[in-house]
Amino acid sequence: LKKTTNFAGATGKITIDTQGNRPNVPVKVLRVNSLGTFVVI
């Protein structure tokens, strides 16, 4: 698991570092649009 590198996931490419964390996390700032959906801003 800690050797996982560029795994093609639904949330994008996944790499796991030696501590067990994902350095390339997809964190964004969002708002709610008029349809009631979170969208990236």
PDB file of all heavy atoms in Angstrom:
ATOM      1  N   LEU A   1       0.834  -1.203   0.000  1.00  0.00           N
ATOM      2  CA  LEU A   1       0.000   0.000   0.000  1.00  0.00           C
ATOM      3  C   LEU A   1       0.870   1.256   0.000  1.00  0.00           C
ATOM      4  O   LEU A   1       0.567   2.234  -0.690  1.00  0.00           O
ATOM      5  CB  LEU A   1      -0.940   0.004   1.202  1.00  0.00           C
ATOM      6  CG  LEU A   1      -2.175  -0.897   1.100  1.00  0.00           C
ATOM      7  CD1 LEU A   1      -2.845  -1.045   2.465  1.00  0.00           C
ATOM      8  CD2 LEU A   1      -3.172  -0.341   0.083  1.00  0.00           C
ATOM      9  N   LYS A   2       1.956   1.232   0.760  1.00  0.00           N
ATOM     10  CA  LYS A   2       2.834   2.396   0.846  1.00  0.00           C
ATOM     11  C   LYS A   2       3.733   2.550  -0.377  1.00  0.00           C
ATOM     12  O   LYS A   2       4.443   3.541  -0.494  1.00  0.00           O
ATOM     13  CB  LYS A   2       3.671   2.323   2.130  1.00  0.00           C
ATOM     14  CG  LYS A   2       2.842   2.524   3.392  1.00  0.00           C
ATOM     15  CD  LYS A   2       3.691   2.488   4.640  1.00  0.00           C
ATOM     16  CE  LYS A   2       2.835   2.722   5.879  1.00  0.00           C
ATOM     17  NZ  LYS A   2       3.633   2.702   7.130  1.00  0.00           N
ATOM     18  N   LYS A   3       3.655   1.605  -1.289  1.00  0.00           N
ATOM     19  CA  LYS A   3       4.353   1.717  -2.566  1.00  0.00           C
ATOM     20  C   LYS A   3       3.407   2.165  -3.680  1.00  0.00           C
ATOM     21  O   LYS A   3       3.824   2.245  -4.844  1.00  0.00           O
ATOM     22  CB  LYS A   3       4.988   0.376  -2.940  1.00  0.00           C
ATOM     23  CG  LYS A   3       6.123  -0.063  -2.042  1.00  0.00           C
ATOM     24  CD  LYS A   3       6.664  -1.420  -2.472  1.00  0.00           C
ATOM     25  CE  LYS A   3       7.787  -1.889  -1.558  1.00  0.00           C
ATOM     26  NZ  LYS A   3       8.306  -3.226  -1.954  1.00  0.00           N
ATOM     27  N   THR A   4       2.149   2.433  -3.339  1.00  0.00           N
ATOM     28  CA  THR A   4       1.174   2.861  -4.346  1.00  0.00           C
ATOM     29  C   THR A   4       1.655   4.150  -5.012  1.00  0.00           C
ATOM     30  O   THR A   4       1.942   5.147  -4.339  1.00  0.00           O
ATOM     31  CB  THR A   4      -0.200   3.103  -3.685  1.00  0.00           C
ATOM     32  OG1 THR A   4      -0.643   1.896  -3.059  1.00  0.00           O
ATOM     33  CG2 THR A   4      -1.232   3.545  -4.720  1.00  0.00           C
ATOM     34  N   THR A   5       1.735   4.131  -6.324  1.00  0.00           N
ATOM     35  CA  THR A   5       2.232   5.291  -7.079  1.00  0.00           C
ATOM     36  C   THR A   5       1.380   5.500  -8.329  1.00  0.00           C
ATOM     37  O   THR A   5       1.235   4.590  -9.138  1.00  0.00           O
ATOM     38  CB  THR A   5       3.697   5.080  -7.505  1.00  0.00           C
ATOM     39  OG1 THR A   5       4.495   4.813  -6.340  1.00  0.00           O
ATOM     40  CG2 THR A   5       4.242   6.320  -8.202  1.00  0.00           C
ATOM     41  N   ASN A   6       0.793   6.684  -8.424  1.00  0.00           N
ATOM     42  CA  ASN A   6      -0.005   7.054  -9.602  1.00  0.00           C
ATOM     43  C   ASN A   6      -1.078   6.029  -9.945  1.00  0.00           C
ATOM     44  O   ASN A   6      -1.332   5.749 -11.122  1.00  0.00           O
ATOM     45  CB  ASN A   6       0.908   7.291 -10.811  1.00  0.00           C
ATOM     46  CG  ASN A   6       1.751   8.544 -10.651  1.00  0.00           C
ATOM     47  OD1 ASN A   6       1.314   9.523 -10.053  1.00  0.00           O
ATOM     48  ND2 ASN A   6       2.962   8.510 -11.181  1.00  0.00           N
ATOM     49  N   PHE A   7      -1.699   5.488  -8.897  1.00  0.00           N
ATOM     50  CA  PHE A   7      -2.821   4.562  -9.106  1.00  0.00           C
ATOM     51  C   PHE A   7      -3.986   5.335  -9.723  1.00  0.00           C
ATOM     52  O   PHE A   7      -4.338   6.423  -9.257  1.00  0.00           O
ATOM     53  CB  PHE A   7      -3.244   3.935  -7.781  1.00  0.00           C
ATOM     54  CG  PHE A   7      -4.384   2.960  -7.889  1.00  0.00           C
ATOM     55  CD1 PHE A   7      -4.139   1.614  -8.092  1.00  0.00           C
ATOM     56  CD2 PHE A   7      -5.708   3.382  -7.784  1.00  0.00           C
ATOM     57  CE1 PHE A   7      -5.183   0.701  -8.189  1.00  0.00           C
ATOM     58  CE2 PHE A   7      -6.758   2.492  -7.880  1.00  0.00           C
ATOM     59  CZ  PHE A   7      -6.486   1.138  -8.088  1.00  0.00           C
ATOM     60  N   ALA A   8      -4.577   4.805 -10.754  1.00  0.00           N
ATOM     61  CA  ALA A   8      -5.663   5.499 -11.460  1.00  0.00           C
ATOM     62  C   ALA A   8      -6.970   5.326 -10.695  1.00  0.00           C
ATOM     63  O   ALA A   8      -7.718   4.373 -10.894  1.00  0.00           O
ATOM     64  CB  ALA A   8      -5.797   4.950 -12.878  1.00  0.00           C
ATOM     65  N   GLY A   9      -7.253   6.262  -9.800  1.00  0.00           N
ATOM     66  CA  GLY A   9      -8.457   6.201  -8.987  1.00  0.00           C
ATOM     67  C   GLY A   9      -9.561   7.088  -9.515  1.00  0.00           C
ATOM     68  O   GLY A   9      -9.338   7.943 -10.379  1.00  0.00           O
ATOM     69  N   ALA A  10     -10.756   6.922  -8.983  1.00  0.00           N
ATOM     70  CA  ALA A  10     -11.875   7.799  -9.346  1.00  0.00           C
ATOM     71  C   ALA A  10     -11.601   9.231  -8.902  1.00  0.00           C
ATOM     72  O   ALA A  10     -12.068  10.181  -9.534  1.00  0.00           O
ATOM     73  CB  ALA A  10     -13.167   7.286  -8.732  1.00  0.00           C
ATOM     74  N   THR A  11     -10.848   9.393  -7.804  1.00  0.00           N
ATOM     75  CA  THR A  11     -10.506  10.732  -7.305  1.00  0.00           C
ATOM     76  C   THR A  11      -9.207  11.260  -7.894  1.00  0.00           C
ATOM     77  O   THR A  11      -8.641  12.226  -7.384  1.00  0.00           O
ATOM     78  CB  THR A  11     -10.405  10.733  -5.765  1.00  0.00           C
ATOM     79  OG1 THR A  11      -9.393   9.794  -5.359  1.00  0.00           O
ATOM     80  CG2 THR A  11     -11.736  10.367  -5.128  1.00  0.00           C
ATOM     81  N   GLY A  12      -8.739  10.647  -8.975  1.00  0.00           N
ATOM     82  CA  GLY A  12      -7.506  11.072  -9.624  1.00  0.00           C
ATOM     83  C   GLY A  12      -6.365  10.128  -9.320  1.00  0.00           C
ATOM     84  O   GLY A  12      -6.544   9.062  -8.715  1.00  0.00           O
ATOM     85  N   LYS A  13      -5.177  10.507  -9.747  1.00  0.00           N
ATOM     86  CA  LYS A  13      -3.995   9.688  -9.490  1.00  0.00           C
ATOM     87  C   LYS A  13      -3.704   9.637  -7.988  1.00  0.00           C
ATOM     88  O   LYS A  13      -3.764  10.659  -7.308  1.00  0.00           O
ATOM     89  CB  LYS A  13      -2.779  10.258 -10.224  1.00  0.00           C
ATOM     90  CG  LYS A  13      -2.904  10.242 -11.736  1.00  0.00           C
ATOM     91  CD  LYS A  13      -2.783   8.846 -12.300  1.00  0.00           C
ATOM     92  CE  LYS A  13      -2.747   8.862 -13.823  1.00  0.00           C
ATOM     93  NZ  LYS A  13      -2.671   7.499 -14.396  1.00  0.00           N
ATOM     94  N   ILE A  14      -3.418   8.449  -7.499  1.00  0.00           N
ATOM     95  CA  ILE A  14      -3.193   8.256  -6.067  1.00  0.00           C
ATOM     96  C   ILE A  14      -1.791   7.732  -5.830  1.00  0.00           C
ATOM     97  O   ILE A  14      -1.394   6.705  -6.385  1.00  0.00           O
ATOM     98  CB  ILE A  14      -4.210   7.264  -5.469  1.00  0.00           C
ATOM     99  CG1 ILE A  14      -5.633   7.801  -5.607  1.00  0.00           C
ATOM    100  CG2 ILE A  14      -3.887   6.981  -3.998  1.00  0.00           C
ATOM    101  CD1 ILE A  14      -6.708   6.791  -5.262  1.00  0.00           C
ATOM    102  N   THR A  15      -1.062   8.445  -5.005  1.00  0.00           N
ATOM    103  CA  THR A  15       0.239   8.010  -4.520  1.00  0.00           C
ATOM    104  C   THR A  15       0.169   7.992  -2.997  1.00  0.00           C
ATOM    105  O   THR A  15      -0.448   8.881  -2.392  1.00  0.00           O
ATOM    106  CB  THR A  15       1.354   8.963  -4.989  1.00  0.00           C
ATOM    107  OG1 THR A  15       1.457   8.864  -6.418  1.00  0.00           O
ATOM    108  CG2 THR A  15       2.692   8.623  -4.354  1.00  0.00           C
ATOM    109  N   ILE A  16       0.741   6.988  -2.378  1.00  0.00           N
ATOM    110  CA  ILE A  16       0.794   6.896  -0.918  1.00  0.00           C
ATOM    111  C   ILE A  16       2.249   6.989  -0.490  1.00  0.00           C
ATOM    112  O   ILE A  16       3.112   6.275  -1.023  1.00  0.00           O
ATOM    113  CB  ILE A  16       0.186   5.566  -0.417  1.00  0.00           C
ATOM    114  CG1 ILE A  16      -1.260   5.397  -0.910  1.00  0.00           C
ATOM    115  CG2 ILE A  16       0.243   5.500   1.113  1.00  0.00           C
ATOM    116  CD1 ILE A  16      -2.228   6.427  -0.395  1.00  0.00           C
ATOM    117  N   ASP A  17       2.536   7.874   0.474  1.00  0.00           N
ATOM    118  CA  ASP A  17       3.918   8.029   0.909  1.00  0.00           C
ATOM    119  C   ASP A  17       4.267   7.032   2.004  1.00  0.00           C
ATOM    120  O   ASP A  17       3.445   6.218   2.420  1.00  0.00           O
ATOM    121  CB  ASP A  17       4.207   9.478   1.324  1.00  0.00           C
ATOM    122  CG  ASP A  17       3.402   9.934   2.544  1.00  0.00           C
ATOM    123  OD1 ASP A  17       2.947   9.079   3.330  1.00  0.00           O
ATOM    124  OD2 ASP A  17       3.238  11.166   2.713  1.00  0.00           O
ATOM    125  N   THR A  18       5.499   7.101   2.480  1.00  0.00           N
ATOM    126  CA  THR A  18       5.970   6.115   3.450  1.00  0.00           C
ATOM    127  C   THR A  18       5.274   6.224   4.792  1.00  0.00           C
ATOM    128  O   THR A  18       5.309   5.289   5.592  1.00  0.00           O
ATOM    129  CB  THR A  18       7.488   6.256   3.661  1.00  0.00           C
ATOM    130  OG1 THR A  18       7.791   7.599   4.059  1.00  0.00           O
ATOM    131  CG2 THR A  18       8.240   5.927   2.384  1.00  0.00           C
ATOM    132  N   GLN A  19       4.625   7.359   5.047  1.00  0.00           N
ATOM    133  CA  GLN A  19       3.854   7.505   6.287  1.00  0.00           C
ATOM    134  C   GLN A  19       2.428   6.983   6.143  1.00  0.00           C
ATOM    135  O   GLN A  19       1.688   6.922   7.123  1.00  0.00           O
ATOM    136  CB  GLN A  19       3.812   8.974   6.709  1.00  0.00           C
ATOM    137  CG  GLN A  19       5.155   9.530   7.153  1.00  0.00           C
ATOM    138  CD  GLN A  19       5.018  10.952   7.658  1.00  0.00           C
ATOM    139  OE1 GLN A  19       4.578  11.845   6.929  1.00  0.00           O
ATOM    140  NE2 GLN A  19       5.375  11.165   8.915  1.00  0.00           N
ATOM    141  N   GLY A  20       2.035   6.667   4.923  1.00  0.00           N
ATOM    142  CA  GLY A  20       0.683   6.168   4.690  1.00  0.00           C
ATOM    143  C   GLY A  20      -0.287   7.234   4.242  1.00  0.00           C
ATOM    144  O   GLY A  20      -1.493   6.965   4.138  1.00  0.00           O
ATOM    145  N   ASN A  21       0.210   8.458   3.964  1.00  0.00           N
ATOM    146  CA  ASN A  21      -0.660   9.552   3.536  1.00  0.00           C
ATOM    147  C   ASN A  21      -0.571   9.768   2.024  1.00  0.00           C
ATOM    148  O   ASN A  21       0.363   9.303   1.363  1.00  0.00           O
ATOM    149  CB  ASN A  21      -0.295  10.842   4.267  1.00  0.00           C
ATOM    150  CG  ASN A  21      -0.611  10.782   5.745  1.00  0.00           C
ATOM    151  OD1 ASN A  21      -1.476  10.021   6.170  1.00  0.00           O
ATOM    152  ND2 ASN A  21       0.093  11.573   6.540  1.00  0.00           N
ATOM    153  N   ARG A  22      -1.543  10.501   1.500  1.00  0.00           N
ATOM    154  CA  ARG A  22      -1.609  10.814   0.075  1.00  0.00           C
ATOM    155  C   ARG A  22      -1.110  12.242  -0.142  1.00  0.00           C
ATOM    156  O   ARG A  22      -1.802  13.200   0.204  1.00  0.00           O
ATOM    157  CB  ARG A  22      -3.050  10.658  -0.416  1.00  0.00           C
ATOM    158  CG  ARG A  22      -3.261  10.989  -1.882  1.00  0.00           C
ATOM    159  CD  ARG A  22      -4.735  10.843  -2.241  1.00  0.00           C
ATOM    160  NE  ARG A  22      -4.995  11.100  -3.653  1.00  0.00           N
ATOM    161  CZ  ARG A  22      -6.188  10.997  -4.233  1.00  0.00           C
ATOM    162  NH1 ARG A  22      -7.239  10.622  -3.502  1.00  0.00           N
ATOM    163  NH2 ARG A  22      -6.332  11.240  -5.519  1.00  0.00           N
ATOM    164  N   PRO A  23       0.049  12.440  -0.717  1.00  0.00           N
ATOM    165  CA  PRO A  23       0.556  13.802  -0.874  1.00  0.00           C
ATOM    166  C   PRO A  23      -0.188  14.620  -1.920  1.00  0.00           C
ATOM    167  O   PRO A  23      -0.191  15.849  -1.849  1.00  0.00           O
ATOM    168  CB  PRO A  23       2.022  13.585  -1.287  1.00  0.00           C
ATOM    169  CG  PRO A  23       2.079  12.208  -1.831  1.00  0.00           C
ATOM    170  CD  PRO A  23       1.039  11.414  -1.108  1.00  0.00           C
ATOM    171  N   ASN A  24      -0.824  13.961  -2.887  1.00  0.00           N
ATOM    172  CA  ASN A  24      -1.488  14.691  -3.982  1.00  0.00           C
ATOM    173  C   ASN A  24      -3.000  14.735  -3.777  1.00  0.00           C
ATOM    174  O   ASN A  24      -3.778  14.289  -4.617  1.00  0.00           O
ATOM    175  CB  ASN A  24      -1.150  14.041  -5.326  1.00  0.00           C
ATOM    176  CG  ASN A  24      -1.496  12.546  -5.388  1.00  0.00           C
ATOM    177  OD1 ASN A  24      -1.589  11.884  -4.357  1.00  0.00           O
ATOM    178  ND2 ASN A  24      -1.685  12.020  -6.579  1.00  0.00           N
ATOM    179  N   VAL A  25      -3.429  15.314  -2.651  1.00  0.00           N
ATOM    180  CA  VAL A  25      -4.857  15.318  -2.321  1.00  0.00           C
ATOM    181  C   VAL A  25      -5.616  16.386  -3.124  1.00  0.00           C
ATOM    182  O   VAL A  25      -5.088  17.465  -3.380  1.00  0.00           O
ATOM    183  CB  VAL A  25      -5.090  15.559  -0.810  1.00  0.00           C
ATOM    184  CG1 VAL A  25      -4.647  14.353  -0.007  1.00  0.00           C
ATOM    185  CG2 VAL A  25      -4.357  16.809  -0.335  1.00  0.00           C
ATOM    186  N   PRO A  26      -6.868  16.106  -3.501  1.00  0.00           N
ATOM    187  CA  PRO A  26      -7.627  17.050  -4.327  1.00  0.00           C
ATOM    188  C   PRO A  26      -8.468  18.022  -3.510  1.00  0.00           C
ATOM    189  O   PRO A  26      -9.697  18.080  -3.621  1.00  0.00           O
ATOM    190  CB  PRO A  26      -8.524  16.113  -5.143  1.00  0.00           C
ATOM    191  CG  PRO A  26      -8.795  14.964  -4.211  1.00  0.00           C
ATOM    192  CD  PRO A  26      -7.547  14.806  -3.377  1.00  0.00           C
ATOM    193  N   VAL A  27      -7.836  18.830  -2.646  1.00  0.00           N
ATOM    194  CA  VAL A  27      -8.575  19.765  -1.798  1.00  0.00           C
ATOM    195  C   VAL A  27      -8.806  21.082  -2.544  1.00  0.00           C
ATOM    196  O   VAL A  27      -7.880  21.644  -3.125  1.00  0.00           O
ATOM    197  CB  VAL A  27      -7.832  20.031  -0.478  1.00  0.00           C
ATOM    198  CG1 VAL A  27      -8.617  21.002   0.398  1.00  0.00           C
ATOM    199  CG2 VAL A  27      -7.593  18.731   0.276  1.00  0.00           C
ATOM    200  N   LYS A  28     -10.032  21.581  -2.501  1.00  0.00           N
ATOM    201  CA  LYS A  28     -10.416  22.788  -3.222  1.00  0.00           C
ATOM    202  C   LYS A  28     -11.276  23.678  -2.323  1.00  0.00           C
ATOM    203  O   LYS A  28     -11.647  23.285  -1.211  1.00  0.00           O
ATOM    204  CB  LYS A  28     -11.216  22.434  -4.484  1.00  0.00           C
ATOM    205  CG  LYS A  28     -10.513  21.472  -5.440  1.00  0.00           C
ATOM    206  CD  LYS A  28      -9.302  22.101  -6.094  1.00  0.00           C
ATOM    207  CE  LYS A  28      -8.636  21.152  -7.086  1.00  0.00           C
ATOM    208  NZ  LYS A  28      -7.427  21.750  -7.691  1.00  0.00           N
ATOM    209  N   VAL A  29     -11.625  24.873  -2.841  1.00  0.00           N
ATOM    210  CA  VAL A  29     -12.639  25.721  -2.214  1.00  0.00           C
ATOM    211  C   VAL A  29     -13.882  25.647  -3.099  1.00  0.00           C
ATOM    212  O   VAL A  29     -13.794  25.736  -4.329  1.00  0.00           O
ATOM    213  CB  VAL A  29     -12.150  27.168  -2.059  1.00  0.00           C
ATOM    214  CG1 VAL A  29     -13.251  28.048  -1.458  1.00  0.00           C
ATOM    215  CG2 VAL A  29     -10.909  27.198  -1.166  1.00  0.00           C
ATOM    216  N   LEU A  30     -15.038  25.476  -2.453  1.00  0.00           N
ATOM    217  CA  LEU A  30     -16.281  25.218  -3.165  1.00  0.00           C
ATOM    218  C   LEU A  30     -17.348  26.236  -2.809  1.00  0.00           C
ATOM    219  O   LEU A  30     -17.283  26.894  -1.773  1.00  0.00           O
ATOM    220  CB  LEU A  30     -16.819  23.819  -2.807  1.00  0.00           C
ATOM    221  CG  LEU A  30     -15.838  22.647  -2.787  1.00  0.00           C
ATOM    222  CD1 LEU A  30     -16.512  21.411  -2.196  1.00  0.00           C
ATOM    223  CD2 LEU A  30     -15.318  22.350  -4.167  1.00  0.00           C
ATOM    224  N   ARG A  31     -18.355  26.323  -3.660  1.00  0.00           N
ATOM    225  CA  ARG A  31     -19.588  27.029  -3.334  1.00  0.00           C
ATOM    226  C   ARG A  31     -20.751  26.162  -3.776  1.00  0.00           C
ATOM    227  O   ARG A  31     -20.567  25.143  -4.462  1.00  0.00           O
ATOM    228  CB  ARG A  31     -19.641  28.390  -4.045  1.00  0.00           C
ATOM    229  CG  ARG A  31     -19.712  28.307  -5.556  1.00  0.00           C
ATOM    230  CD  ARG A  31     -19.914  29.674  -6.208  1.00  0.00           C
ATOM    231  NE  ARG A  31     -19.900  29.583  -7.667  1.00  0.00           N
ATOM    232  CZ  ARG A  31     -20.955  29.259  -8.402  1.00  0.00           C
ATOM    233  NH1 ARG A  31     -22.130  28.978  -7.823  1.00  0.00           N
ATOM    234  NH2 ARG A  31     -20.871  29.210  -9.721  1.00  0.00           N
ATOM    235  N   VAL A  32     -21.952  26.563  -3.411  1.00  0.00           N
ATOM    236  CA  VAL A  32     -23.173  25.858  -3.831  1.00  0.00           C
ATOM    237  C   VAL A  32     -23.801  26.649  -4.978  1.00  0.00           C
ATOM    238  O   VAL A  32     -24.032  27.852  -4.849  1.00  0.00           O
ATOM    239  CB  VAL A  32     -24.155  25.710  -2.659  1.00  0.00           C
ATOM    240  CG1 VAL A  32     -25.469  25.085  -3.128  1.00  0.00           C
ATOM    241  CG2 VAL A  32     -23.512  24.863  -1.546  1.00  0.00           C
ATOM    242  N   ASN A  33     -24.066  25.966  -6.074  1.00  0.00           N
ATOM    243  CA  ASN A  33     -24.661  26.663  -7.209  1.00  0.00           C
ATOM    244  C   ASN A  33     -26.190  26.675  -7.125  1.00  0.00           C
ATOM    245  O   ASN A  33     -26.782  26.150  -6.177  1.00  0.00           O
ATOM    246  CB  ASN A  33     -24.186  26.084  -8.556  1.00  0.00           C
ATOM    247  CG  ASN A  33     -24.677  24.665  -8.807  1.00  0.00           C
ATOM    248  OD1 ASN A  33     -25.582  24.152  -8.132  1.00  0.00           O
ATOM    249  ND2 ASN A  33     -24.097  24.006  -9.792  1.00  0.00           N
ATOM    250  N   SER A  34     -26.848  27.250  -8.121  1.00  0.00           N
ATOM    251  CA  SER A  34     -28.306  27.413  -8.086  1.00  0.00           C
ATOM    252  C   SER A  34     -29.044  26.085  -8.200  1.00  0.00           C
ATOM    253  O   SER A  34     -30.232  26.013  -7.907  1.00  0.00           O
ATOM    254  CB  SER A  34     -28.755  28.351  -9.217  1.00  0.00           C
ATOM    255  OG  SER A  34     -28.384  27.808 -10.475  1.00  0.00           O
ATOM    256  N   LEU A  35     -28.337  25.035  -8.599  1.00  0.00           N
ATOM    257  CA  LEU A  35     -28.945  23.698  -8.697  1.00  0.00           C
ATOM    258  C   LEU A  35     -28.767  22.900  -7.397  1.00  0.00           C
ATOM    259  O   LEU A  35     -29.209  21.749  -7.311  1.00  0.00           O
ATOM    260  CB  LEU A  35     -28.330  22.917  -9.867  1.00  0.00           C
ATOM    261  CG  LEU A  35     -28.512  23.550 -11.254  1.00  0.00           C
ATOM    262  CD1 LEU A  35     -27.771  22.729 -12.300  1.00  0.00           C
ATOM    263  CD2 LEU A  35     -29.988  23.689 -11.604  1.00  0.00           C
ATOM    264  N   GLY A  36     -28.099  23.508  -6.425  1.00  0.00           N
ATOM    265  CA  GLY A  36     -27.886  22.813  -5.161  1.00  0.00           C
ATOM    266  C   GLY A  36     -26.744  21.809  -5.224  1.00  0.00           C
ATOM    267  O   GLY A  36     -26.779  20.770  -4.572  1.00  0.00           O
ATOM    268  N   THR A  37     -25.702  22.149  -5.968  1.00  0.00           N
ATOM    269  CA  THR A  37     -24.543  21.284  -6.133  1.00  0.00           C
ATOM    270  C   THR A  37     -23.285  22.037  -5.701  1.00  0.00           C
ATOM    271  O   THR A  37     -23.140  23.223  -5.989  1.00  0.00           O
ATOM    272  CB  THR A  37     -24.389  20.831  -7.593  1.00  0.00           C
ATOM    273  OG1 THR A  37     -25.557  20.129  -7.982  1.00  0.00           O
ATOM    274  CG2 THR A  37     -23.177  19.932  -7.778  1.00  0.00           C
ATOM    275  N   PHE A  38     -22.383  21.335  -5.007  1.00  0.00           N
ATOM    276  CA  PHE A  38     -21.088  21.928  -4.689  1.00  0.00           C
ATOM    277  C   PHE A  38     -20.250  22.013  -5.954  1.00  0.00           C
ATOM    278  O   PHE A  38     -20.072  21.002  -6.652  1.00  0.00           O
ATOM    279  CB  PHE A  38     -20.355  21.088  -3.648  1.00  0.00           C
ATOM    280  CG  PHE A  38     -20.934  21.151  -2.255  1.00  0.00           C
ATOM    281  CD1 PHE A  38     -21.727  20.120  -1.781  1.00  0.00           C
ATOM    282  CD2 PHE A  38     -20.695  22.236  -1.433  1.00  0.00           C
ATOM    283  CE1 PHE A  38     -22.261  20.159  -0.498  1.00  0.00           C
ATOM    284  CE2 PHE A  38     -21.230  22.299  -0.151  1.00  0.00           C
ATOM    285  CZ  PHE A  38     -22.025  21.256   0.309  1.00  0.00           C
ATOM    286  N   VAL A  39     -19.694  23.183  -6.223  1.00  0.00           N
ATOM    287  CA  VAL A  39     -18.834  23.362  -7.401  1.00  0.00           C
ATOM    288  C   VAL A  39     -17.547  24.047  -6.969  1.00  0.00           C
ATOM    289  O   VAL A  39     -17.513  24.837  -6.023  1.00  0.00           O
ATOM    290  CB  VAL A  39     -19.532  24.171  -8.512  1.00  0.00           C
ATOM    291  CG1 VAL A  39     -20.721  23.418  -9.078  1.00  0.00           C
ATOM    292  CG2 VAL A  39     -19.958  25.543  -8.000  1.00  0.00           C
ATOM    293  N   VAL A  40     -16.470  23.746  -7.682  1.00  0.00           N
ATOM    294  CA  VAL A  40     -15.155  24.282  -7.362  1.00  0.00           C
ATOM    295  C   VAL A  40     -15.042  25.729  -7.813  1.00  0.00           C
ATOM    296  O   VAL A  40     -15.414  26.073  -8.935  1.00  0.00           O
ATOM    297  CB  VAL A  40     -14.059  23.434  -8.037  1.00  0.00           C
ATOM    298  CG1 VAL A  40     -12.679  24.056  -7.826  1.00  0.00           C
ATOM    299  CG2 VAL A  40     -14.085  22.003  -7.519  1.00  0.00           C
ATOM    300  N   ILE A  41     -14.519  26.584  -6.928  1.00  0.00           N
ATOM    301  CA  ILE A  41     -14.260  27.976  -7.304  1.00  0.00           C
ATOM    302  C   ILE A  41     -12.789  28.331  -7.198  1.00  0.00           C
ATOM    303  O   ILE A  41     -12.346  29.332  -7.739  1.00  0.00           O
ATOM    304  CB  ILE A  41     -15.093  28.983  -6.472  1.00  0.00           C
ATOM    305  CG1 ILE A  41     -14.813  28.825  -4.960  1.00  0.00           C
ATOM    306  CG2 ILE A  41     -16.559  28.828  -6.771  1.00  0.00           C
ATOM    307  CD1 ILE A  41     -15.480  29.896  -4.113  1.00  0.00           C
TER     308      ILE A  41
END
